[in-house]
Amino acid sequence: MFVSIIEGISKFAIPVVFVGIVGFGLAKKVKVYESFTEGAKEGFHTAVRIIPFLVAMLVAIGVFRASGAMELLTKALSPVTNALKIPAEVLPMAFMRPLSGGGAQGVMTETINTFGPDTLIGRTVAVMMGSTETTFYVLAVYFGSVAIKKTRHALPVGLLADLAGVLTAIYVARAFFGV
């Protein structure tokens, strides 16, 4: 019953939101098409401004993975994760997700291909993907594109939120799918 309600809502959610936004704009006498194209133009300029920051971040992630630092860090922390009953195989996802969404997608795909989608490890990395954010990417690309130099508390708070997401993902996956 609950699943069929959610499926019904999901079929109409995006069209309803789209029609609602256009309808609201028309009711407020906003030139909807012109506003959309102006926003798209600004979005294009923003995309061009963030390219250097994006390239720098992708190079740093590539160096981190290619150097073997990810594997060394995972092995070094495995005694702690074993004591906490956290599968060490999910650590690469926990480390990669704050750095890059694409890198995290690659780690998740690799992990699921290795362990399977219906395993505790596969499900944990999938939940982790949706429970965390690309903190360093956001800070480097978006803050850099608008010339914010002093991020103040953004990095510690973002990483704390990522840690909460990782721990929650591990707990939720274990509670719903694990032993």
C-alpha atoms as a PDB file:
ATOM      1  CA  MET A   1       0.000   0.000   0.000  1.00  0.00           C
ATOM      2  CA  PHE A   2       2.681   2.506   1.094  1.00  0.00           C
ATOM      3  CA  VAL A   3       4.894   1.572  -1.874  1.00  0.00           C
ATOM      4  CA  SER A   4       2.071   2.127  -4.367  1.00  0.00           C
ATOM      5  CA  ILE A   5       1.344   5.573  -2.863  1.00  0.00           C
ATOM      6  CA  ILE A   6       5.015   6.575  -3.172  1.00  0.00           C
ATOM      7  CA  GLU A   7       5.138   5.247  -6.751  1.00  0.00           C
ATOM      8  CA  GLY A   8       2.022   7.233  -7.617  1.00  0.00           C
ATOM      9  CA  ILE A   9       3.437  10.419  -6.151  1.00  0.00           C
ATOM     10  CA  SER A  10       6.798   9.934  -7.895  1.00  0.00           C
ATOM     11  CA  LYS A  11       5.146   9.617 -11.323  1.00  0.00           C
ATOM     12  CA  PHE A  12       3.611  13.067 -11.042  1.00  0.00           C
ATOM     13  CA  ALA A  13       6.045  14.963  -8.785  1.00  0.00           C
ATOM     14  CA  ILE A  14       8.280  16.538 -11.434  1.00  0.00           C
ATOM     15  CA  PRO A  15       5.497  17.488 -13.877  1.00  0.00           C
ATOM     16  CA  VAL A  16       3.442  18.992 -11.040  1.00  0.00           C
ATOM     17  CA  VAL A  17       6.415  21.024  -9.789  1.00  0.00           C
ATOM     18  CA  PHE A  18       7.232  22.193 -13.322  1.00  0.00           C
ATOM     19  CA  VAL A  19       3.657  23.211 -14.102  1.00  0.00           C
ATOM     20  CA  GLY A  20       3.358  24.805 -10.653  1.00  0.00           C
ATOM     21  CA  ILE A  21       6.443  26.977 -11.159  1.00  0.00           C
ATOM     22  CA  VAL A  22       5.353  28.073 -14.633  1.00  0.00           C
ATOM     23  CA  GLY A  23       1.809  28.697 -13.418  1.00  0.00           C
ATOM     24  CA  PHE A  24       3.009  30.717 -10.438  1.00  0.00           C
ATOM     25  CA  GLY A  25       5.243  32.790 -12.698  1.00  0.00           C
ATOM     26  CA  LEU A  26       2.403  33.466 -15.104  1.00  0.00           C
ATOM     27  CA  ALA A  27       0.068  34.378 -12.227  1.00  0.00           C
ATOM     28  CA  LYS A  28       2.656  36.905 -11.019  1.00  0.00           C
ATOM     29  CA  LYS A  29       2.922  38.250 -14.584  1.00  0.00           C
ATOM     30  CA  VAL A  30       6.572  37.199 -14.923  1.00  0.00           C
ATOM     31  CA  LYS A  31       7.928  36.640 -18.423  1.00  0.00           C
ATOM     32  CA  VAL A  32       8.675  32.983 -17.730  1.00  0.00           C
ATOM     33  CA  TYR A  33      10.550  32.102 -20.921  1.00  0.00           C
ATOM     34  CA  GLU A  34      12.690  35.246 -20.833  1.00  0.00           C
ATOM     35  CA  SER A  35      13.500  34.667 -17.149  1.00  0.00           C
ATOM     36  CA  PHE A  36      14.443  31.071 -17.902  1.00  0.00           C
ATOM     37  CA  THR A  37      16.779  31.990 -20.764  1.00  0.00           C
ATOM     38  CA  GLU A  38      18.402  34.758 -18.670  1.00  0.00           C
ATOM     39  CA  GLY A  39      19.010  32.277 -15.859  1.00  0.00           C
ATOM     40  CA  ALA A  40      20.421  29.736 -18.308  1.00  0.00           C
ATOM     41  CA  LYS A  41      22.794  32.402 -19.655  1.00  0.00           C
ATOM     42  CA  GLU A  42      23.999  33.211 -16.124  1.00  0.00           C
ATOM     43  CA  GLY A  43      24.395  29.484 -15.454  1.00  0.00           C
ATOM     44  CA  PHE A  44      26.591  29.128 -18.518  1.00  0.00           C
ATOM     45  CA  HIS A  45      28.835  31.983 -17.374  1.00  0.00           C
ATOM     46  CA  THR A  46      29.088  30.407 -13.921  1.00  0.00           C
ATOM     47  CA  ALA A  47      30.026  27.069 -15.481  1.00  0.00           C
ATOM     48  CA  VAL A  48      32.826  28.713 -17.455  1.00  0.00           C
ATOM     49  CA  ARG A  49      34.120  30.441 -14.285  1.00  0.00           C
ATOM     50  CA  ILE A  50      34.292  27.196 -12.294  1.00  0.00           C
ATOM     51  CA  ILE A  51      36.197  25.155 -14.910  1.00  0.00           C
ATOM     52  CA  PRO A  52      39.695  25.965 -13.528  1.00  0.00           C
ATOM     53  CA  PHE A  53      38.610  25.010  -9.999  1.00  0.00           C
ATOM     54  CA  LEU A  54      37.004  21.836 -11.294  1.00  0.00           C
ATOM     55  CA  VAL A  55      40.130  20.793 -13.196  1.00  0.00           C
ATOM     56  CA  ALA A  56      42.338  21.412 -10.140  1.00  0.00           C
ATOM     57  CA  MET A  57      40.046  19.325  -7.936  1.00  0.00           C
ATOM     58  CA  LEU A  58      39.896  16.447 -10.425  1.00  0.00           C
ATOM     59  CA  VAL A  59      43.699  16.391 -10.747  1.00  0.00           C
ATOM     60  CA  ALA A  60      44.117  16.308  -6.954  1.00  0.00           C
ATOM     61  CA  ILE A  61      41.653  13.410  -6.673  1.00  0.00           C
ATOM     62  CA  GLY A  62      43.404  11.519  -9.452  1.00  0.00           C
ATOM     63  CA  VAL A  63      46.761  11.924  -7.719  1.00  0.00           C
ATOM     64  CA  PHE A  64      45.277  10.778  -4.388  1.00  0.00           C
ATOM     65  CA  ARG A  65      43.827   7.594  -5.873  1.00  0.00           C
ATOM     66  CA  ALA A  66      46.718   6.802  -8.247  1.00  0.00           C
ATOM     67  CA  SER A  67      49.343   7.227  -5.537  1.00  0.00           C
ATOM     68  CA  GLY A  68      47.858   4.399  -3.478  1.00  0.00           C
ATOM     69  CA  ALA A  69      47.132   6.738  -0.560  1.00  0.00           C
ATOM     70  CA  MET A  70      43.521   5.537  -0.441  1.00  0.00           C
ATOM     71  CA  GLU A  71      44.558   1.905   0.022  1.00  0.00           C
ATOM     72  CA  LEU A  72      47.188   2.800   2.635  1.00  0.00           C
ATOM     73  CA  LEU A  73      44.702   4.839   4.629  1.00  0.00           C
ATOM     74  CA  THR A  74      42.117   2.054   4.476  1.00  0.00           C
ATOM     75  CA  LYS A  75      44.631  -0.553   5.660  1.00  0.00           C
ATOM     76  CA  ALA A  76      45.880   1.711   8.452  1.00  0.00           C
ATOM     77  CA  LEU A  77      42.353   2.242   9.770  1.00  0.00           C
ATOM     78  CA  SER A  78      41.162  -1.354   9.398  1.00  0.00           C
ATOM     79  CA  PRO A  79      41.999  -2.322  13.035  1.00  0.00           C
ATOM     80  CA  VAL A  80      39.788   0.529  14.254  1.00  0.00           C
ATOM     81  CA  THR A  81      36.982  -0.297  11.832  1.00  0.00           C
ATOM     82  CA  ASN A  82      37.155  -3.982  12.741  1.00  0.00           C
ATOM     83  CA  ALA A  83      36.852  -3.116  16.449  1.00  0.00           C
ATOM     84  CA  LEU A  84      33.811  -0.916  15.670  1.00  0.00           C
ATOM     85  CA  LYS A  85      32.339  -3.629  13.403  1.00  0.00           C
ATOM     86  CA  ILE A  86      32.456  -1.313  10.395  1.00  0.00           C
ATOM     87  CA  PRO A  87      33.324  -3.075   7.132  1.00  0.00           C
ATOM     88  CA  ALA A  88      36.721  -1.712   6.068  1.00  0.00           C
ATOM     89  CA  GLU A  89      35.585  -2.074   2.456  1.00  0.00           C
ATOM     90  CA  VAL A  90      33.297   0.965   2.846  1.00  0.00           C
ATOM     91  CA  LEU A  91      36.149   3.277   3.875  1.00  0.00           C
ATOM     92  CA  PRO A  92      37.186   4.203   0.312  1.00  0.00           C
ATOM     93  CA  MET A  93      33.647   5.497  -0.216  1.00  0.00           C
ATOM     94  CA  ALA A  94      33.754   7.447   3.062  1.00  0.00           C
ATOM     95  CA  PHE A  95      37.033   9.082   2.006  1.00  0.00           C
ATOM     96  CA  MET A  96      36.163   9.711  -1.645  1.00  0.00           C
ATOM     97  CA  ARG A  97      32.659  11.130  -1.234  1.00  0.00           C
ATOM     98  CA  PRO A  98      33.736  14.445   0.364  1.00  0.00           C
ATOM     99  CA  LEU A  99      36.201  14.905  -2.494  1.00  0.00           C
ATOM    100  CA  SER A 100      34.258  14.072  -5.629  1.00  0.00           C
ATOM    101  CA  GLY A 101      30.841  12.841  -6.667  1.00  0.00           C
ATOM    102  CA  GLY A 102      32.242  11.236  -9.807  1.00  0.00           C
ATOM    103  CA  GLY A 103      35.075   9.600  -7.868  1.00  0.00           C
ATOM    104  CA  ALA A 104      32.593   8.359  -5.283  1.00  0.00           C
ATOM    105  CA  GLN A 105      30.386   6.989  -8.059  1.00  0.00           C
ATOM    106  CA  GLY A 106      33.393   5.067  -9.368  1.00  0.00           C
ATOM    107  CA  VAL A 107      34.210   3.716  -5.896  1.00  0.00           C
ATOM    108  CA  MET A 108      30.588   2.723  -5.350  1.00  0.00           C
ATOM    109  CA  THR A 109      30.389   0.962  -8.727  1.00  0.00           C
ATOM    110  CA  GLU A 110      33.654  -0.862  -8.084  1.00  0.00           C
ATOM    111  CA  THR A 111      32.533  -1.894  -4.589  1.00  0.00           C
ATOM    112  CA  ILE A 112      29.137  -3.113  -5.786  1.00  0.00           C
ATOM    113  CA  ASN A 113      30.733  -5.018  -8.680  1.00  0.00           C
ATOM    114  CA  THR A 114      33.136  -6.673  -6.224  1.00  0.00           C
ATOM    115  CA  PHE A 115      30.773  -7.493  -3.359  1.00  0.00           C
ATOM    116  CA  GLY A 116      27.347  -7.387  -5.036  1.00  0.00           C
ATOM    117  CA  PRO A 117      24.412  -4.998  -4.764  1.00  0.00           C
ATOM    118  CA  ASP A 118      22.508  -7.111  -2.241  1.00  0.00           C
ATOM    119  CA  THR A 119      25.328  -7.409   0.294  1.00  0.00           C
ATOM    120  CA  LEU A 120      25.699  -5.330   3.431  1.00  0.00           C
ATOM    121  CA  ILE A 121      28.790  -3.665   1.942  1.00  0.00           C
ATOM    122  CA  GLY A 122      27.047  -2.871  -1.365  1.00  0.00           C
ATOM    123  CA  ARG A 123      24.014  -1.458   0.358  1.00  0.00           C
ATOM    124  CA  THR A 124      26.119   0.510   2.834  1.00  0.00           C
ATOM    125  CA  VAL A 125      28.056   2.312   0.091  1.00  0.00           C
ATOM    126  CA  ALA A 126      24.791   3.029  -1.749  1.00  0.00           C
ATOM    127  CA  VAL A 127      23.234   4.566   1.366  1.00  0.00           C
ATOM    128  CA  MET A 128      26.496   6.434   2.030  1.00  0.00           C
ATOM    129  CA  MET A 129      26.375   7.915  -1.483  1.00  0.00           C
ATOM    130  CA  GLY A 130      23.009   9.476  -0.741  1.00  0.00           C
ATOM    131  CA  SER A 131      23.816  10.469   2.840  1.00  0.00           C
ATOM    132  CA  THR A 132      26.943  12.546   2.310  1.00  0.00           C
ATOM    133  CA  GLU A 133      28.072  15.521   0.257  1.00  0.00           C
ATOM    134  CA  THR A 134      31.061  16.461  -1.887  1.00  0.00           C
ATOM    135  CA  THR A 135      32.343  18.935   0.690  1.00  0.00           C
ATOM    136  CA  PHE A 136      35.794  19.704  -0.738  1.00  0.00           C
ATOM    137  CA  TYR A 137      34.367  19.904  -4.239  1.00  0.00           C
ATOM    138  CA  VAL A 138      31.710  22.396  -3.128  1.00  0.00           C
ATOM    139  CA  LEU A 139      34.256  24.515  -1.278  1.00  0.00           C
ATOM    140  CA  ALA A 140      36.835  24.456  -4.073  1.00  0.00           C
ATOM    141  CA  VAL A 141      34.520  24.935  -7.014  1.00  0.00           C
ATOM    142  CA  TYR A 142      31.607  27.006  -5.799  1.00  0.00           C
ATOM    143  CA  PHE A 143      33.382  29.101  -3.192  1.00  0.00           C
ATOM    144  CA  GLY A 144      36.251  29.600  -5.641  1.00  0.00           C
ATOM    145  CA  SER A 145      33.946  30.665  -8.448  1.00  0.00           C
ATOM    146  CA  VAL A 146      32.527  33.507  -6.375  1.00  0.00           C
ATOM    147  CA  ALA A 147      35.945  34.423  -4.898  1.00  0.00           C
ATOM    148  CA  ILE A 148      35.255  33.448  -1.288  1.00  0.00           C
ATOM    149  CA  LYS A 149      38.723  33.103   0.218  1.00  0.00           C
ATOM    150  CA  LYS A 150      37.859  32.648   3.906  1.00  0.00           C
ATOM    151  CA  THR A 151      35.585  29.651   4.246  1.00  0.00           C
ATOM    152  CA  ARG A 152      35.512  30.103   8.033  1.00  0.00           C
ATOM    153  CA  HIS A 153      33.528  27.208   9.499  1.00  0.00           C
ATOM    154  CA  ALA A 154      32.319  25.729   6.222  1.00  0.00           C
ATOM    155  CA  LEU A 155      34.980  22.997   6.031  1.00  0.00           C
ATOM    156  CA  PRO A 156      34.735  21.692   9.622  1.00  0.00           C
ATOM    157  CA  VAL A 157      30.934  21.788   9.576  1.00  0.00           C
ATOM    158  CA  GLY A 158      30.796  20.124   6.155  1.00  0.00           C
ATOM    159  CA  LEU A 159      33.169  17.364   7.248  1.00  0.00           C
ATOM    160  CA  LEU A 160      31.241  16.892  10.482  1.00  0.00           C
ATOM    161  CA  ALA A 161      28.054  16.518   8.449  1.00  0.00           C
ATOM    162  CA  ASP A 162      29.824  14.002   6.203  1.00  0.00           C
ATOM    163  CA  LEU A 163      30.944  12.017   9.257  1.00  0.00           C
ATOM    164  CA  ALA A 164      27.374  12.024  10.550  1.00  0.00           C
ATOM    165  CA  GLY A 165      26.176  10.843   7.130  1.00  0.00           C
ATOM    166  CA  VAL A 166      28.762   8.042   6.999  1.00  0.00           C
ATOM    167  CA  LEU A 167      27.970   6.802  10.503  1.00  0.00           C
ATOM    168  CA  THR A 168      24.237   7.047   9.864  1.00  0.00           C
ATOM    169  CA  ALA A 169      24.602   5.162   6.577  1.00  0.00           C
ATOM    170  CA  ILE A 170      26.494   2.387   8.341  1.00  0.00           C
ATOM    171  CA  TYR A 171      23.877   2.221  11.096  1.00  0.00           C
ATOM    172  CA  VAL A 172      20.894   2.339   8.727  1.00  0.00           C
ATOM    173  CA  ALA A 173      22.347  -0.261   6.360  1.00  0.00           C
ATOM    174  CA  ARG A 174      23.110  -2.572   9.271  1.00  0.00           C
ATOM    175  CA  ALA A 175      19.671  -1.998  10.843  1.00  0.00           C
ATOM    176  CA  PHE A 176      17.718  -2.578   7.642  1.00  0.00           C
ATOM    177  CA  PHE A 177      19.910  -5.019   5.696  1.00  0.00           C
ATOM    178  CA  GLY A 178      22.578  -6.438   8.005  1.00  0.00           C
ATOM    179  CA  VAL A 179      23.114  -8.747  10.858  1.00  0.00           C
END
